Amino acid sequence: MSEFDFDLDHLDFDGAEKTTVQKQLAADQLAAEQAAMQDEDGDDCAGGACKI
């Protein structure tokens, strides 16, 4: 058996998928909250440039 032969039977693919989905949902929620905070500024400035 070479060092590149892997036994994949002990890996938890279902658990990894659930963890990935949870992390993605958390990242999406954080991005949505940050976007909402930027919208609530109310100073008519977008990206550091203010509208005249």
C-alpha atoms as a PDB file:
ATOM      1  CA  MET A   1       0.000   0.000   0.000  1.00  0.00           C
ATOM      2  CA  SER A   2       1.484   3.328  -1.014  1.00  0.00           C
ATOM      3  CA  GLU A   3       1.242   6.523   0.978  1.00  0.00           C
ATOM      4  CA  PHE A   4      -1.376   7.756  -1.500  1.00  0.00           C
ATOM      5  CA  ASP A   5      -3.858   4.955  -0.849  1.00  0.00           C
ATOM      6  CA  PHE A   6      -6.534   6.373   1.430  1.00  0.00           C
ATOM      7  CA  ASP A   7      -9.201   4.583   3.434  1.00  0.00           C
ATOM      8  CA  LEU A   8     -12.259   6.828   3.041  1.00  0.00           C
ATOM      9  CA  ASP A   9     -14.536   4.602   5.133  1.00  0.00           C
ATOM     10  CA  HIS A  10     -13.723   6.454   8.359  1.00  0.00           C
ATOM     11  CA  LEU A  11     -14.511   9.942   7.018  1.00  0.00           C
ATOM     12  CA  ASP A  12     -17.795  11.632   7.993  1.00  0.00           C
ATOM     13  CA  PHE A  13     -19.036  13.138   4.747  1.00  0.00           C
ATOM     14  CA  ASP A  14     -22.557  13.768   6.060  1.00  0.00           C
ATOM     15  CA  GLY A  15     -21.243  15.606   9.109  1.00  0.00           C
ATOM     16  CA  ALA A  16     -18.887  17.659   6.964  1.00  0.00           C
ATOM     17  CA  GLU A  17     -21.725  18.592   4.621  1.00  0.00           C
ATOM     18  CA  LYS A  18     -23.923  19.717   7.529  1.00  0.00           C
ATOM     19  CA  THR A  19     -21.085  21.775   8.981  1.00  0.00           C
ATOM     20  CA  THR A  20     -20.437  23.387   5.611  1.00  0.00           C
ATOM     21  CA  VAL A  21     -24.116  24.247   5.170  1.00  0.00           C
ATOM     22  CA  GLN A  22     -24.228  25.786   8.666  1.00  0.00           C
ATOM     23  CA  LYS A  23     -21.109  27.849   7.985  1.00  0.00           C
ATOM     24  CA  GLN A  24     -22.527  29.054   4.668  1.00  0.00           C
ATOM     25  CA  LEU A  25     -25.822  30.058   6.297  1.00  0.00           C
ATOM     26  CA  ALA A  26     -23.940  31.953   9.010  1.00  0.00           C
ATOM     27  CA  ALA A  27     -21.812  33.729   6.387  1.00  0.00           C
ATOM     28  CA  ASP A  28     -24.926  34.627   4.366  1.00  0.00           C
ATOM     29  CA  GLN A  29     -26.655  35.968   7.471  1.00  0.00           C
ATOM     30  CA  LEU A  30     -23.601  38.040   8.414  1.00  0.00           C
ATOM     31  CA  ALA A  31     -23.375  39.467   4.898  1.00  0.00           C
ATOM     32  CA  ALA A  32     -27.076  40.361   4.989  1.00  0.00           C
ATOM     33  CA  GLU A  33     -26.685  42.061   8.368  1.00  0.00           C
ATOM     34  CA  GLN A  34     -23.691  44.053   7.128  1.00  0.00           C
ATOM     35  CA  ALA A  35     -25.593  45.114   4.010  1.00  0.00           C
ATOM     36  CA  ALA A  36     -28.551  46.185   6.156  1.00  0.00           C
ATOM     37  CA  MET A  37     -26.262  48.222   8.414  1.00  0.00           C
ATOM     38  CA  GLN A  38     -24.805  50.024   5.388  1.00  0.00           C
ATOM     39  CA  ASP A  39     -28.303  50.812   4.123  1.00  0.00           C
ATOM     40  CA  GLU A  40     -29.288  52.253   7.521  1.00  0.00           C
ATOM     41  CA  ASP A  41     -26.521  54.859   7.541  1.00  0.00           C
ATOM     42  CA  GLY A  42     -28.874  57.392   5.954  1.00  0.00           C
ATOM     43  CA  ASP A  43     -26.125  59.836   5.038  1.00  0.00           C
ATOM     44  CA  ASP A  44     -26.528  59.281   1.274  1.00  0.00           C
ATOM     45  CA  CYS A  45     -22.942  58.048   1.053  1.00  0.00           C
ATOM     46  CA  ALA A  46     -22.159  54.867  -0.846  1.00  0.00           C
ATOM     47  CA  GLY A  47     -18.715  53.338  -0.958  1.00  0.00           C
ATOM     48  CA  GLY A  48     -17.134  56.401   0.644  1.00  0.00           C
ATOM     49  CA  ALA A  49     -18.405  58.827  -2.016  1.00  0.00           C
ATOM     50  CA  CYS A  50     -21.260  61.117  -0.964  1.00  0.00           C
ATOM     51  CA  LYS A  51     -23.971  62.166  -3.364  1.00  0.00           C
ATOM     52  CA  ILE A  52     -24.286  65.877  -3.990  1.00  0.00           C
END
